[in-house]
Amino acid sequence: MEKRSYYRTTTNGGFSTDLLLEGHPYSDVRVTDIGLRGCCVRLPASSAQYLKDQAPIDNLLLSGAQDDLYALKARVAWHDQPKAGQGTWIKAGVEFLETPAACAREIRELLAEDMSSWDH
């Protein structure tokens, strides 16, 4: 089991992102989980060649659950390697380098909501 330093929660389709990776644009990318320090995104397997060496992500635009749009500085922290028979998608971890206060507030609220459901 993976051990993280920071808690993340599943987004259930509440967040998506547009990004520019090594000059290649990706639109309406699904965010599978999110936390204050980063998120996990689902990218086409063909993008793996641009994910090497903790590549910087330019123009990361995160669409929040309230349809707010946040511009973040980020980098690739890790990524799956495409494998035969895996399908057309891979996951990549994104580390936020700078997060606007309003975006951090929305993520904190989502995390608090998720954690409060553990008590029930």
PDB file of N, CA and C in Angstrom:
ATOM      1  N   MET A   1       0.832  -1.172   0.000  1.00  0.00           N
ATOM      2  CA  MET A   1       0.000   0.000   0.000  1.00  0.00           C
ATOM      3  C   MET A   1       0.884   1.245   0.000  1.00  0.00           C
ATOM      4  N   GLU A   2       0.510   2.219  -0.793  1.00  0.00           N
ATOM      5  CA  GLU A   2       1.270   3.463  -0.895  1.00  0.00           C
ATOM      6  C   GLU A   2       1.089   4.291   0.372  1.00  0.00           C
ATOM      7  N   LYS A   3       2.168   4.870   0.870  1.00  0.00           N
ATOM      8  CA  LYS A   3       2.103   5.716   2.051  1.00  0.00           C
ATOM      9  C   LYS A   3       2.427   7.140   1.616  1.00  0.00           C
ATOM     10  N   ARG A   4       1.474   8.040   1.822  1.00  0.00           N
ATOM     11  CA  ARG A   4       1.667   9.423   1.425  1.00  0.00           C
ATOM     12  C   ARG A   4       1.916  10.294   2.640  1.00  0.00           C
ATOM     13  N   SER A   5       2.628  11.373   2.434  1.00  0.00           N
ATOM     14  CA  SER A   5       2.857  12.341   3.500  1.00  0.00           C
ATOM     15  C   SER A   5       1.648  13.260   3.680  1.00  0.00           C
ATOM     16  N   TYR A   6       0.852  13.416   2.630  1.00  0.00           N
ATOM     17  CA  TYR A   6      -0.282  14.319   2.654  1.00  0.00           C
ATOM     18  C   TYR A   6      -1.526  13.584   2.187  1.00  0.00           C
ATOM     19  N   TYR A   7      -2.628  13.828   2.868  1.00  0.00           N
ATOM     20  CA  TYR A   7      -3.887  13.171   2.559  1.00  0.00           C
ATOM     21  C   TYR A   7      -4.449  13.661   1.226  1.00  0.00           C
ATOM     22  N   ARG A   8      -5.020  12.736   0.475  1.00  0.00           N
ATOM     23  CA  ARG A   8      -5.740  13.055  -0.760  1.00  0.00           C
ATOM     24  C   ARG A   8      -7.105  12.398  -0.702  1.00  0.00           C
ATOM     25  N   THR A   9      -8.028  12.917  -1.492  1.00  0.00           N
ATOM     26  CA  THR A   9      -9.359  12.346  -1.573  1.00  0.00           C
ATOM     27  C   THR A   9      -9.742  12.151  -3.035  1.00  0.00           C
ATOM     28  N   THR A  10     -10.594  11.185  -3.273  1.00  0.00           N
ATOM     29  CA  THR A  10     -11.095  10.941  -4.625  1.00  0.00           C
ATOM     30  C   THR A  10     -11.984  12.107  -5.027  1.00  0.00           C
ATOM     31  N   THR A  11     -11.883  12.525  -6.259  1.00  0.00           N
ATOM     32  CA  THR A  11     -12.644  13.699  -6.695  1.00  0.00           C
ATOM     33  C   THR A  11     -14.024  13.367  -7.243  1.00  0.00           C
ATOM     34  N   ASN A  12     -14.249  12.128  -7.656  1.00  0.00           N
ATOM     35  CA  ASN A  12     -15.548  11.746  -8.230  1.00  0.00           C
ATOM     36  C   ASN A  12     -15.995  12.706  -9.328  1.00  0.00           C
ATOM     37  N   GLY A  13     -15.050  13.103 -10.166  1.00  0.00           N
ATOM     38  CA  GLY A  13     -15.380  13.958 -11.308  1.00  0.00           C
ATOM     39  C   GLY A  13     -15.526  15.427 -10.973  1.00  0.00           C
ATOM     40  N   GLY A  14     -15.210  15.823  -9.735  1.00  0.00           N
ATOM     41  CA  GLY A  14     -15.385  17.215  -9.333  1.00  0.00           C
ATOM     42  C   GLY A  14     -14.324  18.161  -9.852  1.00  0.00           C
ATOM     43  N   PHE A  15     -13.189  17.637 -10.273  1.00  0.00           N
ATOM     44  CA  PHE A  15     -12.103  18.478 -10.771  1.00  0.00           C
ATOM     45  C   PHE A  15     -11.620  17.951 -12.122  1.00  0.00           C
ATOM     46  N   SER A  16     -11.239  18.874 -12.977  1.00  0.00           N
ATOM     47  CA  SER A  16     -10.565  18.520 -14.224  1.00  0.00           C
ATOM     48  C   SER A  16      -9.499  19.582 -14.451  1.00  0.00           C
ATOM     49  N   THR A  17      -8.639  19.343 -15.428  1.00  0.00           N
ATOM     50  CA  THR A  17      -7.562  20.291 -15.659  1.00  0.00           C
ATOM     51  C   THR A  17      -7.213  20.356 -17.141  1.00  0.00           C
ATOM     52  N   ASP A  18      -6.690  21.479 -17.525  1.00  0.00           N
ATOM     53  CA  ASP A  18      -6.057  21.661 -18.823  1.00  0.00           C
ATOM     54  C   ASP A  18      -4.590  21.937 -18.506  1.00  0.00           C
ATOM     55  N   LEU A  19      -3.699  21.423 -19.333  1.00  0.00           N
ATOM     56  CA  LEU A  19      -2.286  21.656 -19.056  1.00  0.00           C
ATOM     57  C   LEU A  19      -1.476  21.615 -20.338  1.00  0.00           C
ATOM     58  N   LEU A  20      -0.297  22.165 -20.232  1.00  0.00           N
ATOM     59  CA  LEU A  20       0.659  22.182 -21.328  1.00  0.00           C
ATOM     60  C   LEU A  20       1.898  21.464 -20.825  1.00  0.00           C
ATOM     61  N   LEU A  21       2.237  20.351 -21.483  1.00  0.00           N
ATOM     62  CA  LEU A  21       3.336  19.508 -21.043  1.00  0.00           C
ATOM     63  C   LEU A  21       4.324  19.363 -22.191  1.00  0.00           C
ATOM     64  N   GLU A  22       5.521  19.922 -21.982  1.00  0.00           N
ATOM     65  CA  GLU A  22       6.556  19.894 -23.024  1.00  0.00           C
ATOM     66  C   GLU A  22       6.011  20.421 -24.353  1.00  0.00           C
ATOM     67  N   GLY A  23       5.194  21.471 -24.275  1.00  0.00           N
ATOM     68  CA  GLY A  23       4.644  22.104 -25.472  1.00  0.00           C
ATOM     69  C   GLY A  23       3.425  21.414 -26.057  1.00  0.00           C
ATOM     70  N   HIS A  24       2.973  20.332 -25.435  1.00  0.00           N
ATOM     71  CA  HIS A  24       1.820  19.583 -25.938  1.00  0.00           C
ATOM     72  C   HIS A  24       0.613  19.844 -25.035  1.00  0.00           C
ATOM     73  N   PRO A  25      -0.467  20.400 -25.605  1.00  0.00           N
ATOM     74  CA  PRO A  25      -1.647  20.720 -24.787  1.00  0.00           C
ATOM     75  C   PRO A  25      -2.530  19.497 -24.536  1.00  0.00           C
ATOM     76  N   TYR A  26      -3.079  19.446 -23.334  1.00  0.00           N
ATOM     77  CA  TYR A  26      -4.055  18.418 -22.955  1.00  0.00           C
ATOM     78  C   TYR A  26      -5.236  19.145 -22.336  1.00  0.00           C
ATOM     79  N   SER A  27      -6.434  18.849 -22.817  1.00  0.00           N
ATOM     80  CA  SER A  27      -7.640  19.536 -22.355  1.00  0.00           C
ATOM     81  C   SER A  27      -8.575  18.577 -21.640  1.00  0.00           C
ATOM     82  N   ASP A  28      -9.290  19.109 -20.676  1.00  0.00           N
ATOM     83  CA  ASP A  28     -10.308  18.375 -19.930  1.00  0.00           C
ATOM     84  C   ASP A  28      -9.765  17.055 -19.390  1.00  0.00           C
ATOM     85  N   VAL A  29      -8.592  17.125 -18.765  1.00  0.00           N
ATOM     86  CA  VAL A  29      -7.930  15.955 -18.189  1.00  0.00           C
ATOM     87  C   VAL A  29      -8.610  15.620 -16.861  1.00  0.00           C
ATOM     88  N   ARG A  30      -8.934  14.364 -16.671  1.00  0.00           N
ATOM     89  CA  ARG A  30      -9.619  13.928 -15.448  1.00  0.00           C
ATOM     90  C   ARG A  30      -8.651  13.897 -14.269  1.00  0.00           C
ATOM     91  N   VAL A  31      -9.038  14.539 -13.165  1.00  0.00           N
ATOM     92  CA  VAL A  31      -8.296  14.495 -11.907  1.00  0.00           C
ATOM     93  C   VAL A  31      -8.938  13.395 -11.076  1.00  0.00           C
ATOM     94  N   THR A  32      -8.177  12.337 -10.756  1.00  0.00           N
ATOM     95  CA  THR A  32      -8.753  11.196 -10.047  1.00  0.00           C
ATOM     96  C   THR A  32      -8.735  11.358  -8.536  1.00  0.00           C
ATOM     97  N   ASP A  33      -7.713  12.052  -8.010  1.00  0.00           N
ATOM     98  CA  ASP A  33      -7.692  12.389  -6.590  1.00  0.00           C
ATOM     99  C   ASP A  33      -6.902  13.672  -6.407  1.00  0.00           C
ATOM    100  N   ILE A  34      -7.144  14.328  -5.262  1.00  0.00           N
ATOM    101  CA  ILE A  34      -6.525  15.637  -5.043  1.00  0.00           C
ATOM    102  C   ILE A  34      -6.263  15.849  -3.558  1.00  0.00           C
ATOM    103  N   GLY A  35      -5.218  16.618  -3.280  1.00  0.00           N
ATOM    104  CA  GLY A  35      -4.870  17.026  -1.924  1.00  0.00           C
ATOM    105  C   GLY A  35      -4.245  18.405  -1.989  1.00  0.00           C
ATOM    106  N   LEU A  36      -3.826  18.916  -0.859  1.00  0.00           N
ATOM    107  CA  LEU A  36      -3.258  20.259  -0.828  1.00  0.00           C
ATOM    108  C   LEU A  36      -1.934  20.367  -1.570  1.00  0.00           C
ATOM    109  N   ARG A  37      -1.192  19.276  -1.668  1.00  0.00           N
ATOM    110  CA  ARG A  37       0.129  19.321  -2.292  1.00  0.00           C
ATOM    111  C   ARG A  37       0.167  18.801  -3.719  1.00  0.00           C
ATOM    112  N   GLY A  38      -0.951  18.216  -4.192  1.00  0.00           N
ATOM    113  CA  GLY A  38      -0.927  17.690  -5.549  1.00  0.00           C
ATOM    114  C   GLY A  38      -2.170  16.913  -5.895  1.00  0.00           C
ATOM    115  N   CYS A  39      -2.101  16.280  -7.051  1.00  0.00           N
ATOM    116  CA  CYS A  39      -3.230  15.494  -7.520  1.00  0.00           C
ATOM    117  C   CYS A  39      -2.720  14.375  -8.432  1.00  0.00           C
ATOM    118  N   CYS A  40      -3.622  13.508  -8.793  1.00  0.00           N
ATOM    119  CA  CYS A  40      -3.323  12.454  -9.750  1.00  0.00           C
ATOM    120  C   CYS A  40      -4.219  12.693 -10.958  1.00  0.00           C
ATOM    121  N   VAL A  41      -3.635  12.636 -12.142  1.00  0.00           N
ATOM    122  CA  VAL A  41      -4.401  12.860 -13.364  1.00  0.00           C
ATOM    123  C   VAL A  41      -4.320  11.634 -14.264  1.00  0.00           C
ATOM    124  N   ARG A  42      -5.300  11.504 -15.126  1.00  0.00           N
ATOM    125  CA  ARG A  42      -5.335  10.416 -16.098  1.00  0.00           C
ATOM    126  C   ARG A  42      -5.048  11.020 -17.468  1.00  0.00           C
ATOM    127  N   LEU A  43      -3.956  10.568 -18.075  1.00  0.00           N
ATOM    128  CA  LEU A  43      -3.499  11.108 -19.364  1.00  0.00           C
ATOM    129  C   LEU A  43      -3.458  10.006 -20.413  1.00  0.00           C
ATOM    130  N   PRO A  44      -3.492  10.393 -21.673  1.00  0.00           N
ATOM    131  CA  PRO A  44      -3.321   9.390 -22.727  1.00  0.00           C
ATOM    132  C   PRO A  44      -1.951   8.718 -22.593  1.00  0.00           C
ATOM    133  N   ALA A  45      -1.889   7.430 -22.842  1.00  0.00           N
ATOM    134  CA  ALA A  45      -0.625   6.691 -22.734  1.00  0.00           C
ATOM    135  C   ALA A  45       0.447   7.294 -23.632  1.00  0.00           C
ATOM    136  N   SER A  46       0.044   7.904 -24.721  1.00  0.00           N
ATOM    137  CA  SER A  46       1.016   8.512 -25.639  1.00  0.00           C
ATOM    138  C   SER A  46       1.746   9.701 -25.008  1.00  0.00           C
ATOM    139  N   SER A  47       1.251  10.232 -23.910  1.00  0.00           N
ATOM    140  CA  SER A  47       1.899  11.376 -23.256  1.00  0.00           C
ATOM    141  C   SER A  47       3.095  10.963 -22.400  1.00  0.00           C
ATOM    142  N   ALA A  48       3.306   9.659 -22.190  1.00  0.00           N
ATOM    143  CA  ALA A  48       4.374   9.181 -21.299  1.00  0.00           C
ATOM    144  C   ALA A  48       5.739   9.737 -21.689  1.00  0.00           C
ATOM    145  N   GLN A  49       5.980   9.926 -22.971  1.00  0.00           N
ATOM    146  CA  GLN A  49       7.281  10.431 -23.402  1.00  0.00           C
ATOM    147  C   GLN A  49       7.555  11.852 -22.905  1.00  0.00           C
ATOM    148  N   TYR A  50       6.527  12.594 -22.511  1.00  0.00           N
ATOM    149  CA  TYR A  50       6.697  13.968 -22.033  1.00  0.00           C
ATOM    150  C   TYR A  50       6.716  14.068 -20.509  1.00  0.00           C
ATOM    151  N   LEU A  51       6.586  12.953 -19.808  1.00  0.00           N
ATOM    152  CA  LEU A  51       6.455  12.962 -18.351  1.00  0.00           C
ATOM    153  C   LEU A  51       7.770  12.712 -17.625  1.00  0.00           C
ATOM    154  N   LYS A  52       8.870  12.573 -18.343  1.00  0.00           N
ATOM    155  CA  LYS A  52      10.156  12.205 -17.754  1.00  0.00           C
ATOM    156  C   LYS A  52      10.769  13.308 -16.898  1.00  0.00           C
ATOM    157  N   ASP A  53      11.626  12.892 -15.985  1.00  0.00           N
ATOM    158  CA  ASP A  53      12.496  13.793 -15.232  1.00  0.00           C
ATOM    159  C   ASP A  53      11.756  14.920 -14.521  1.00  0.00           C
ATOM    160  N   GLN A  54      10.616  14.591 -13.925  1.00  0.00           N
ATOM    161  CA  GLN A  54       9.840  15.570 -13.167  1.00  0.00           C
ATOM    162  C   GLN A  54       9.604  16.840 -13.979  1.00  0.00           C
ATOM    163  N   ALA A  55       9.101  16.636 -15.169  1.00  0.00           N
ATOM    164  CA  ALA A  55       8.871  17.723 -16.114  1.00  0.00           C
ATOM    165  C   ALA A  55       7.980  18.809 -15.523  1.00  0.00           C
ATOM    166  N   PRO A  56       8.317  20.077 -15.784  1.00  0.00           N
ATOM    167  CA  PRO A  56       7.428  21.156 -15.344  1.00  0.00           C
ATOM    168  C   PRO A  56       6.138  21.109 -16.158  1.00  0.00           C
ATOM    169  N   ILE A  57       5.058  21.496 -15.530  1.00  0.00           N
ATOM    170  CA  ILE A  57       3.777  21.576 -16.219  1.00  0.00           C
ATOM    171  C   ILE A  57       3.462  23.050 -16.373  1.00  0.00           C
ATOM    172  N   ASP A  58       3.340  23.476 -17.605  1.00  0.00           N
ATOM    173  CA  ASP A  58       3.036  24.873 -17.894  1.00  0.00           C
ATOM    174  C   ASP A  58       1.532  25.037 -18.029  1.00  0.00           C
ATOM    175  N   ASN A  59       1.051  26.181 -17.597  1.00  0.00           N
ATOM    176  CA  ASN A  59      -0.360  26.538 -17.771  1.00  0.00           C
ATOM    177  C   ASN A  59      -1.305  25.489 -17.203  1.00  0.00           C
ATOM    178  N   LEU A  60      -1.047  25.023 -15.981  1.00  0.00           N
ATOM    179  CA  LEU A  60      -1.962  24.089 -15.328  1.00  0.00           C
ATOM    180  C   LEU A  60      -3.177  24.884 -14.870  1.00  0.00           C
ATOM    181  N   LEU A  61      -4.312  24.607 -15.477  1.00  0.00           N
ATOM    182  CA  LEU A  61      -5.567  25.251 -15.107  1.00  0.00           C
ATOM    183  C   LEU A  61      -6.461  24.197 -14.485  1.00  0.00           C
ATOM    184  N   LEU A  62      -6.773  24.366 -13.221  1.00  0.00           N
ATOM    185  CA  LEU A  62      -7.578  23.407 -12.481  1.00  0.00           C
ATOM    186  C   LEU A  62      -8.989  23.952 -12.357  1.00  0.00           C
ATOM    187  N   SER A  63      -9.957  23.194 -12.866  1.00  0.00           N
ATOM    188  CA  SER A  63     -11.364  23.569 -12.745  1.00  0.00           C
ATOM    189  C   SER A  63     -11.902  22.936 -11.479  1.00  0.00           C
ATOM    190  N   GLY A  64     -12.349  23.767 -10.544  1.00  0.00           N
ATOM    191  CA  GLY A  64     -12.852  23.279  -9.271  1.00  0.00           C
ATOM    192  C   GLY A  64     -14.279  22.791  -9.353  1.00  0.00           C
ATOM    193  N   ALA A  65     -14.749  22.257  -8.246  1.00  0.00           N
ATOM    194  CA  ALA A  65     -16.103  21.701  -8.168  1.00  0.00           C
ATOM    195  C   ALA A  65     -17.162  22.779  -8.364  1.00  0.00           C
ATOM    196  N   GLN A  66     -16.843  24.026  -8.073  1.00  0.00           N
ATOM    197  CA  GLN A  66     -17.795  25.133  -8.230  1.00  0.00           C
ATOM    198  C   GLN A  66     -17.597  25.850  -9.567  1.00  0.00           C
ATOM    199  N   ASP A  67     -16.929  25.197 -10.511  1.00  0.00           N
ATOM    200  CA  ASP A  67     -16.614  25.771 -11.815  1.00  0.00           C
ATOM    201  C   ASP A  67     -15.667  26.966 -11.736  1.00  0.00           C
ATOM    202  N   ASP A  68     -14.955  27.105 -10.609  1.00  0.00           N
ATOM    203  CA  ASP A  68     -13.910  28.112 -10.521  1.00  0.00           C
ATOM    204  C   ASP A  68     -12.702  27.588 -11.280  1.00  0.00           C
ATOM    205  N   LEU A  69     -11.928  28.492 -11.831  1.00  0.00           N
ATOM    206  CA  LEU A  69     -10.745  28.112 -12.597  1.00  0.00           C
ATOM    207  C   LEU A  69      -9.517  28.664 -11.883  1.00  0.00           C
ATOM    208  N   TYR A  70      -8.559  27.786 -11.563  1.00  0.00           N
ATOM    209  CA  TYR A  70      -7.353  28.176 -10.835  1.00  0.00           C
ATOM    210  C   TYR A  70      -6.125  27.888 -11.686  1.00  0.00           C
ATOM    211  N   ALA A  71      -5.191  28.848 -11.730  1.00  0.00           N
ATOM    212  CA  ALA A  71      -3.914  28.652 -12.420  1.00  0.00           C
ATOM    213  C   ALA A  71      -2.869  28.276 -11.371  1.00  0.00           C
ATOM    214  N   LEU A  72      -2.199  27.139 -11.568  1.00  0.00           N
ATOM    215  CA  LEU A  72      -1.215  26.645 -10.607  1.00  0.00           C
ATOM    216  C   LEU A  72       0.123  26.399 -11.294  1.00  0.00           C
ATOM    217  N   LYS A  73       1.191  26.511 -10.523  1.00  0.00           N
ATOM    218  CA  LYS A  73       2.497  26.064 -10.979  1.00  0.00           C
ATOM    219  C   LYS A  73       2.658  24.650 -10.459  1.00  0.00           C
ATOM    220  N   ALA A  74       3.158  23.756 -11.312  1.00  0.00           N
ATOM    221  CA  ALA A  74       3.236  22.349 -10.921  1.00  0.00           C
ATOM    222  C   ALA A  74       4.335  21.645 -11.701  1.00  0.00           C
ATOM    223  N   ARG A  75       4.586  20.392 -11.276  1.00  0.00           N
ATOM    224  CA  ARG A  75       5.531  19.538 -11.990  1.00  0.00           C
ATOM    225  C   ARG A  75       5.049  18.102 -11.873  1.00  0.00           C
ATOM    226  N   VAL A  76       5.542  17.261 -12.760  1.00  0.00           N
ATOM    227  CA  VAL A  76       5.249  15.836 -12.707  1.00  0.00           C
ATOM    228  C   VAL A  76       6.083  15.236 -11.582  1.00  0.00           C
ATOM    229  N   ALA A  77       5.443  14.537 -10.649  1.00  0.00           N
ATOM    230  CA  ALA A  77       6.158  13.914  -9.541  1.00  0.00           C
ATOM    231  C   ALA A  77       6.457  12.440  -9.835  1.00  0.00           C
ATOM    232  N   TRP A  78       5.543  11.751 -10.516  1.00  0.00           N
ATOM    233  CA  TRP A  78       5.701  10.341 -10.884  1.00  0.00           C
ATOM    234  C   TRP A  78       4.723  10.045 -12.014  1.00  0.00           C
ATOM    235  N   HIS A  79       4.936   8.920 -12.672  1.00  0.00           N
ATOM    236  CA  HIS A  79       3.987   8.506 -13.706  1.00  0.00           C
ATOM    237  C   HIS A  79       4.095   7.008 -13.945  1.00  0.00           C
ATOM    238  N   ASP A  80       2.985   6.447 -14.384  1.00  0.00           N
ATOM    239  CA  ASP A  80       2.969   5.045 -14.790  1.00  0.00           C
ATOM    240  C   ASP A  80       3.753   4.891 -16.086  1.00  0.00           C
ATOM    241  N   GLN A  81       4.257   3.717 -16.300  1.00  0.00           N
ATOM    242  CA  GLN A  81       4.856   3.369 -17.585  1.00  0.00           C
ATOM    243  C   GLN A  81       3.794   2.648 -18.402  1.00  0.00           C
ATOM    244  N   PRO A  82       3.602   3.045 -19.647  1.00  0.00           N
ATOM    245  CA  PRO A  82       2.619   2.325 -20.464  1.00  0.00           C
ATOM    246  C   PRO A  82       3.048   0.870 -20.643  1.00  0.00           C
ATOM    247  N   LYS A  83       2.079  -0.030 -20.534  1.00  0.00           N
ATOM    248  CA  LYS A  83       2.355  -1.456 -20.688  1.00  0.00           C
ATOM    249  C   LYS A  83       1.424  -2.027 -21.739  1.00  0.00           C
ATOM    250  N   ALA A  84       1.884  -3.053 -22.416  1.00  0.00           N
ATOM    251  CA  ALA A  84       1.046  -3.713 -23.416  1.00  0.00           C
ATOM    252  C   ALA A  84      -0.232  -4.205 -22.748  1.00  0.00           C
ATOM    253  N   GLY A  85      -1.348  -3.952 -23.375  1.00  0.00           N
ATOM    254  CA  GLY A  85      -2.626  -4.401 -22.857  1.00  0.00           C
ATOM    255  C   GLY A  85      -3.192  -3.520 -21.755  1.00  0.00           C
ATOM    256  N   GLN A  86      -2.481  -2.446 -21.380  1.00  0.00           N
ATOM    257  CA  GLN A  86      -2.919  -1.577 -20.298  1.00  0.00           C
ATOM    258  C   GLN A  86      -4.073  -0.684 -20.729  1.00  0.00           C
ATOM    259  N   GLY A  87      -4.201  -0.452 -21.995  1.00  0.00           N
ATOM    260  CA  GLY A  87      -5.223   0.470 -22.467  1.00  0.00           C
ATOM    261  C   GLY A  87      -4.603   1.757 -22.939  1.00  0.00           C
ATOM    262  N   THR A  88      -5.433   2.752 -23.092  1.00  0.00           N
ATOM    263  CA  THR A  88      -4.978   4.008 -23.679  1.00  0.00           C
ATOM    264  C   THR A  88      -4.666   5.078 -22.646  1.00  0.00           C
ATOM    265  N   TRP A  89      -4.756   4.759 -21.345  1.00  0.00           N
ATOM    266  CA  TRP A  89      -4.563   5.764 -20.306  1.00  0.00           C
ATOM    267  C   TRP A  89      -3.458   5.366 -19.327  1.00  0.00           C
ATOM    268  N   ILE A  90      -2.774   6.374 -18.781  1.00  0.00           N
ATOM    269  CA  ILE A  90      -1.836   6.177 -17.687  1.00  0.00           C
ATOM    270  C   ILE A  90      -2.125   7.244 -16.630  1.00  0.00           C
ATOM    271  N   LYS A  91      -1.653   6.996 -15.416  1.00  0.00           N
ATOM    272  CA  LYS A  91      -1.814   7.973 -14.353  1.00  0.00           C
ATOM    273  C   LYS A  91      -0.487   8.685 -14.118  1.00  0.00           C
ATOM    274  N   ALA A  92      -0.597   9.944 -13.725  1.00  0.00           N
ATOM    275  CA  ALA A  92       0.588  10.733 -13.379  1.00  0.00           C
ATOM    276  C   ALA A  92       0.292  11.532 -12.125  1.00  0.00           C
ATOM    277  N   GLY A  93       1.271  11.586 -11.234  1.00  0.00           N
ATOM    278  CA  GLY A  93       1.151  12.408 -10.036  1.00  0.00           C
ATOM    279  C   GLY A  93       1.669  13.801 -10.331  1.00  0.00           C
ATOM    280  N   VAL A  94       0.913  14.792  -9.909  1.00  0.00           N
ATOM    281  CA  VAL A  94       1.263  16.191 -10.128  1.00  0.00           C
ATOM    282  C   VAL A  94       1.514  16.842  -8.770  1.00  0.00           C
ATOM    283  N   GLU A  95       2.667  17.450  -8.616  1.00  0.00           N
ATOM    284  CA  GLU A  95       2.979  18.181  -7.391  1.00  0.00           C
ATOM    285  C   GLU A  95       2.732  19.660  -7.638  1.00  0.00           C
ATOM    286  N   PHE A  96       1.917  20.274  -6.773  1.00  0.00           N
ATOM    287  CA  PHE A  96       1.669  21.707  -6.875  1.00  0.00           C
ATOM    288  C   PHE A  96       2.861  22.445  -6.282  1.00  0.00           C
ATOM    289  N   LEU A  97       3.415  23.392  -7.022  1.00  0.00           N
ATOM    290  CA  LEU A  97       4.531  24.194  -6.535  1.00  0.00           C
ATOM    291  C   LEU A  97       4.037  25.505  -5.948  1.00  0.00           C
ATOM    292  N   GLU A  98       2.940  26.021  -6.497  1.00  0.00           N
ATOM    293  CA  GLU A  98       2.273  27.218  -5.978  1.00  0.00           C
ATOM    294  C   GLU A  98       0.779  27.008  -6.165  1.00  0.00           C
ATOM    295  N   THR A  99       0.022  27.234  -5.091  1.00  0.00           N
ATOM    296  CA  THR A  99      -1.428  27.045  -5.135  1.00  0.00           C
ATOM    297  C   THR A  99      -2.101  28.335  -4.688  1.00  0.00           C
ATOM    298  N   PRO A 100      -2.971  28.911  -5.511  1.00  0.00           N
ATOM    299  CA  PRO A 100      -3.701  30.119  -5.095  1.00  0.00           C
ATOM    300  C   PRO A 100      -4.529  29.838  -3.834  1.00  0.00           C
ATOM    301  N   ALA A 101      -4.671  30.851  -2.988  1.00  0.00           N
ATOM    302  CA  ALA A 101      -5.378  30.696  -1.710  1.00  0.00           C
ATOM    303  C   ALA A 101      -6.798  30.177  -1.902  1.00  0.00           C
ATOM    304  N   ALA A 102      -7.525  30.684  -2.884  1.00  0.00           N
ATOM    305  CA  ALA A 102      -8.911  30.240  -3.097  1.00  0.00           C
ATOM    306  C   ALA A 102      -8.965  28.765  -3.482  1.00  0.00           C
ATOM    307  N   CYS A 103      -8.002  28.314  -4.256  1.00  0.00           N
ATOM    308  CA  CYS A 103      -7.930  26.902  -4.651  1.00  0.00           C
ATOM    309  C   CYS A 103      -7.624  26.040  -3.430  1.00  0.00           C
ATOM    310  N   ALA A 104      -6.658  26.450  -2.626  1.00  0.00           N
ATOM    311  CA  ALA A 104      -6.308  25.702  -1.417  1.00  0.00           C
ATOM    312  C   ALA A 104      -7.503  25.620  -0.480  1.00  0.00           C
ATOM    313  N   ARG A 105      -8.274  26.699  -0.375  1.00  0.00           N
ATOM    314  CA  ARG A 105      -9.467  26.705   0.475  1.00  0.00           C
ATOM    315  C   ARG A 105     -10.490  25.680  -0.018  1.00  0.00           C
ATOM    316  N   GLU A 106     -10.719  25.639  -1.326  1.00  0.00           N
ATOM    317  CA  GLU A 106     -11.677  24.675  -1.884  1.00  0.00           C
ATOM    318  C   GLU A 106     -11.208  23.236  -1.645  1.00  0.00           C
ATOM    319  N   ILE A 107      -9.920  22.987  -1.809  1.00  0.00           N
ATOM    320  CA  ILE A 107      -9.386  21.638  -1.570  1.00  0.00           C
ATOM    321  C   ILE A 107      -9.512  21.273  -0.095  1.00  0.00           C
ATOM    322  N   ARG A 108      -9.193  22.229   0.813  1.00  0.00           N
ATOM    323  CA  ARG A 108      -9.331  21.967   2.252  1.00  0.00           C
ATOM    324  C   ARG A 108     -10.772  21.605   2.607  1.00  0.00           C
ATOM    325  N   GLU A 109     -11.732  22.326   2.028  1.00  0.00           N
ATOM    326  CA  GLU A 109     -13.139  22.041   2.295  1.00  0.00           C
ATOM    327  C   GLU A 109     -13.514  20.644   1.813  1.00  0.00           C
ATOM    328  N   LEU A 110     -13.020  20.264   0.654  1.00  0.00           N
ATOM    329  CA  LEU A 110     -13.287  18.930   0.112  1.00  0.00           C
ATOM    330  C   LEU A 110     -12.669  17.857   1.014  1.00  0.00           C
ATOM    331  N   LEU A 111     -11.447  18.079   1.461  1.00  0.00           N
ATOM    332  CA  LEU A 111     -10.780  17.117   2.341  1.00  0.00           C
ATOM    333  C   LEU A 111     -11.513  16.992   3.676  1.00  0.00           C
ATOM    334  N   ALA A 112     -11.942  18.126   4.238  1.00  0.00           N
ATOM    335  CA  ALA A 112     -12.665  18.112   5.516  1.00  0.00           C
ATOM    336  C   ALA A 112     -13.983  17.364   5.380  1.00  0.00           C
ATOM    337  N   GLU A 113     -14.667  17.596   4.272  1.00  0.00           N
ATOM    338  CA  GLU A 113     -15.932  16.909   3.998  1.00  0.00           C
ATOM    339  C   GLU A 113     -15.707  15.397   3.919  1.00  0.00           C
ATOM    340  N   ASP A 114     -14.652  15.004   3.233  1.00  0.00           N
ATOM    341  CA  ASP A 114     -14.341  13.594   3.086  1.00  0.00           C
ATOM    342  C   ASP A 114     -13.989  12.971   4.439  1.00  0.00           C
ATOM    343  N   MET A 115     -13.168  13.647   5.213  1.00  0.00           N
ATOM    344  CA  MET A 115     -12.757  13.124   6.513  1.00  0.00           C
ATOM    345  C   MET A 115     -13.935  13.026   7.476  1.00  0.00           C
ATOM    346  N   SER A 116     -14.869  13.971   7.387  1.00  0.00           N
ATOM    347  CA  SER A 116     -16.029  13.934   8.294  1.00  0.00           C
ATOM    348  C   SER A 116     -16.928  12.752   7.994  1.00  0.00           C
ATOM    349  N   SER A 117     -16.902  12.261   6.774  1.00  0.00           N
ATOM    350  CA  SER A 117     -17.734  11.098   6.413  1.00  0.00           C
ATOM    351  C   SER A 117     -17.184   9.812   7.036  1.00  0.00           C
ATOM    352  N   TRP A 118     -15.946   9.816   7.500  1.00  0.00           N
ATOM    353  CA  TRP A 118     -15.363   8.641   8.136  1.00  0.00           C
ATOM    354  C   TRP A 118     -16.041   8.335   9.471  1.00  0.00           C
ATOM    355  N   ASP A 119     -16.587   9.370  10.104  1.00  0.00           N
ATOM    356  CA  ASP A 119     -17.215   9.202  11.418  1.00  0.00           C
ATOM    357  C   ASP A 119     -18.587   8.539  11.344  1.00  0.00           C
ATOM    358  N   HIS A 120     -19.119   8.398  10.153  1.00  0.00           N
ATOM    359  CA  HIS A 120     -20.488   7.880  10.023  1.00  0.00           C
ATOM    360  C   HIS A 120     -20.518   6.447   9.583  1.00  0.00           C
TER     361      HIS A 120
END
